[in-house]
Amino acid sequence: MWVLTIGILMIVVTVAIHAIGSAYWLEYLADRIKHRAHSHQSLHISRGILYTAVVLLMLHVVEVLLWASVYISLPGHAGLNNYAQAVYFSMVTLTTLGYGDITLSVRWQLLAGMEAMVGIMVFGLTTAILFAVIQRSWKFKHLADKRGNHGIDSTKS
């Protein structure tokens, strides 16, 4: 029963971290785009996509560290020897890589499956967000090109 409770709580927290972090980042990015509406240079667009990818990956790192912290705090460390091993196990589990070279003790194995399930979800969310940012960036760039702006700010000389 405890395994299921911990797993469900961790799924909720993981999705919340990803959703809230992504929402804050997208608001920040939208605000930056709004303030640079006159400048659609490829460099700005590339930076927005790059920074989005890095921010989303950092959210994944936070999630991995959180799961690792839970594993290492469980009785008997859930069969893991130290925090570094817990981080490694969490990383290969969240990404669904699952080498299988390290496993949790039998009592806690359900958590690994739950982490993998939420990993599929948050990586899907990351993919969707990256796609949306790329699509929006492409749209802004090509709208500016159609207007003859070509990323040049006509107010600056």
Protein backbone atom coordinates (compact mmCIF):
# COMPACT_ATOMS: atom_id res chain seq x y z
CA MET A 1 0.00 0.00 0.00
CA TRP A 2 2.82 2.42 0.86
CA VAL A 3 4.49 1.77 -2.47
CA LEU A 4 1.37 2.77 -4.37
CA THR A 5 0.84 5.87 -2.22
CA ILE A 6 4.44 7.02 -2.64
CA GLY A 7 4.31 6.29 -6.36
CA ILE A 8 1.10 8.23 -6.95
CA LEU A 9 2.40 11.16 -4.92
CA MET A 10 5.64 11.15 -6.91
CA ILE A 11 3.74 11.04 -10.21
CA VAL A 12 1.68 14.07 -9.16
CA VAL A 13 4.77 15.97 -8.00
CA THR A 14 6.72 15.09 -11.16
CA VAL A 15 3.92 16.23 -13.47
CA ALA A 16 3.43 19.38 -11.37
CA ILE A 17 7.14 20.26 -11.58
CA HIS A 18 7.08 19.81 -15.32
CA ALA A 19 3.79 21.59 -15.90
CA ILE A 20 4.53 24.56 -13.64
CA GLY A 21 8.12 24.91 -14.82
CA SER A 22 7.06 24.71 -18.46
CA ALA A 23 4.24 27.22 -17.96
CA TYR A 24 6.56 29.73 -16.30
CA TRP A 25 9.13 29.30 -19.04
CA LEU A 26 6.56 29.69 -21.83
CA GLU A 27 5.20 32.86 -20.18
CA TYR A 28 8.73 34.23 -19.92
CA LEU A 29 9.46 33.33 -23.53
CA ALA A 30 6.19 34.87 -24.75
CA ASP A 31 7.01 38.05 -22.86
CA ARG A 32 10.48 38.16 -24.44
CA ILE A 33 9.02 37.62 -27.90
CA LYS A 34 6.47 40.38 -27.30
CA HIS A 35 9.22 42.81 -26.36
CA ARG A 36 11.25 41.83 -29.42
CA ALA A 37 8.35 41.75 -31.85
CA HIS A 38 10.33 43.96 -34.19
CA SER A 39 13.31 41.62 -34.23
CA HIS A 40 12.83 38.19 -35.77
CA GLN A 41 16.42 37.43 -36.54
CA SER A 42 17.34 33.80 -36.86
CA LEU A 43 19.75 34.15 -33.95
CA HIS A 44 16.95 35.20 -31.58
CA ILE A 45 14.77 32.35 -32.78
CA SER A 46 17.56 29.81 -32.41
CA ARG A 47 18.31 31.07 -28.92
CA GLY A 48 14.67 30.72 -27.92
CA ILE A 49 14.58 27.13 -29.11
CA LEU A 50 17.93 26.32 -27.50
CA TYR A 51 17.01 27.89 -24.16
CA THR A 52 13.66 26.10 -24.20
CA ALA A 53 15.39 22.76 -24.71
CA VAL A 54 17.86 23.49 -21.89
CA VAL A 55 15.14 24.63 -19.46
CA LEU A 56 13.04 21.54 -20.18
CA LEU A 57 16.04 19.26 -19.73
CA MET A 58 16.81 20.97 -16.42
CA LEU A 59 13.25 20.20 -15.31
CA HIS A 60 13.96 16.54 -16.11
CA VAL A 61 17.16 16.70 -14.04
CA VAL A 62 15.21 18.11 -11.08
CA GLU A 63 12.68 15.29 -11.46
CA VAL A 64 15.43 12.66 -11.59
CA LEU A 65 17.05 14.10 -8.46
CA LEU A 66 13.72 14.12 -6.66
CA TRP A 67 13.01 10.47 -7.49
CA ALA A 68 16.57 9.56 -6.47
CA SER A 69 16.07 11.34 -3.15
CA VAL A 70 12.93 9.33 -2.51
CA TYR A 71 14.67 6.06 -3.38
CA ILE A 72 17.59 6.74 -1.08
CA SER A 73 15.29 7.79 1.77
CA LEU A 74 13.28 4.54 1.68
CA PRO A 75 14.05 1.81 4.22
CA GLY A 76 17.18 -0.01 3.13
CA HIS A 77 17.67 2.67 0.46
CA ALA A 78 15.33 0.57 -1.72
CA GLY A 79 18.32 -1.65 -2.45
CA LEU A 80 20.53 1.15 -3.77
CA ASN A 81 24.00 1.67 -2.31
CA ASN A 82 24.31 5.46 -2.41
CA TYR A 83 22.83 8.67 -3.83
CA ALA A 84 24.92 8.52 -7.02
CA GLN A 85 23.55 5.05 -7.75
CA ALA A 86 20.04 6.31 -6.99
CA VAL A 87 20.50 9.18 -9.47
CA TYR A 88 21.78 6.79 -12.12
CA PHE A 89 18.90 4.38 -11.53
CA SER A 90 16.38 7.22 -11.65
CA MET A 91 17.88 8.61 -14.87
CA VAL A 92 17.70 5.31 -16.73
CA THR A 93 14.22 4.69 -15.35
CA LEU A 94 12.68 8.12 -16.08
CA THR A 95 14.05 7.99 -19.62
CA THR A 96 12.71 4.43 -19.93
CA LEU A 97 16.17 3.30 -21.00
CA GLY A 98 16.13 0.75 -18.20
CA TYR A 99 19.48 -1.03 -18.52
CA GLY A 100 18.53 -3.39 -15.71
CA ASP A 101 22.05 -3.41 -14.28
CA ILE A 102 20.67 -1.93 -11.05
CA THR A 103 17.26 -2.79 -9.66
CA LEU A 104 15.25 -1.82 -6.63
CA SER A 105 14.60 -4.29 -3.86
CA VAL A 106 11.47 -6.36 -4.47
CA ARG A 107 9.39 -4.37 -2.00
CA TRP A 108 9.91 -1.12 -3.97
CA GLN A 109 10.04 -2.34 -7.58
CA LEU A 110 6.59 -0.95 -8.43
CA LEU A 111 8.04 2.53 -8.01
CA ALA A 112 10.38 1.96 -10.96
CA GLY A 113 7.45 1.18 -13.22
CA MET A 114 5.60 4.24 -11.99
CA GLU A 115 8.64 6.43 -12.62
CA ALA A 116 8.93 5.04 -16.14
CA MET A 117 5.23 5.76 -16.79
CA VAL A 118 5.54 9.36 -15.68
CA GLY A 119 8.81 9.65 -17.64
CA ILE A 120 7.00 8.79 -20.86
CA MET A 121 4.44 11.46 -20.04
CA VAL A 122 6.83 14.28 -19.19
CA PHE A 123 9.11 13.56 -22.13
CA GLY A 124 6.03 13.63 -24.34
CA LEU A 125 5.16 16.99 -22.83
CA THR A 126 8.70 18.21 -23.49
CA THR A 127 8.44 17.11 -27.11
CA ALA A 128 5.09 18.87 -27.52
CA ILE A 129 6.42 22.10 -26.00
CA LEU A 130 9.55 22.07 -28.15
CA PHE A 131 7.42 21.45 -31.23
CA ALA A 132 5.14 24.36 -30.30
CA VAL A 133 8.07 26.72 -29.72
CA ILE A 134 9.68 25.73 -33.02
CA GLN A 135 6.38 26.08 -34.86
CA ARG A 136 5.68 29.49 -33.31
CA SER A 137 9.24 30.68 -34.04
CA TRP A 138 8.96 29.57 -37.64
CA LYS A 139 5.61 31.36 -37.93
CA PHE A 140 7.01 34.63 -36.54
CA LYS A 141 10.05 34.44 -38.80
CA HIS A 142 8.03 33.87 -41.93
CA LEU A 143 5.41 36.49 -41.09
CA ALA A 144 8.22 39.01 -40.66
CA ASP A 145 9.74 37.92 -43.98
CA LYS A 146 6.40 38.35 -45.75
CA ARG A 147 6.11 41.88 -44.37
CA GLY A 148 9.60 42.62 -45.69
CA ASN A 149 11.01 43.00 -42.21
CA HIS A 150 13.65 40.26 -42.58
CA GLY A 151 14.56 40.69 -38.92
CA ILE A 152 15.64 44.29 -39.36
CA ASP A 153 14.38 46.86 -36.91
CA SER A 154 13.34 49.86 -38.99
CA THR A 155 13.32 52.09 -35.90
CA LYS A 156 17.09 51.71 -35.40
CA SER A 157 19.60 53.36 -37.66
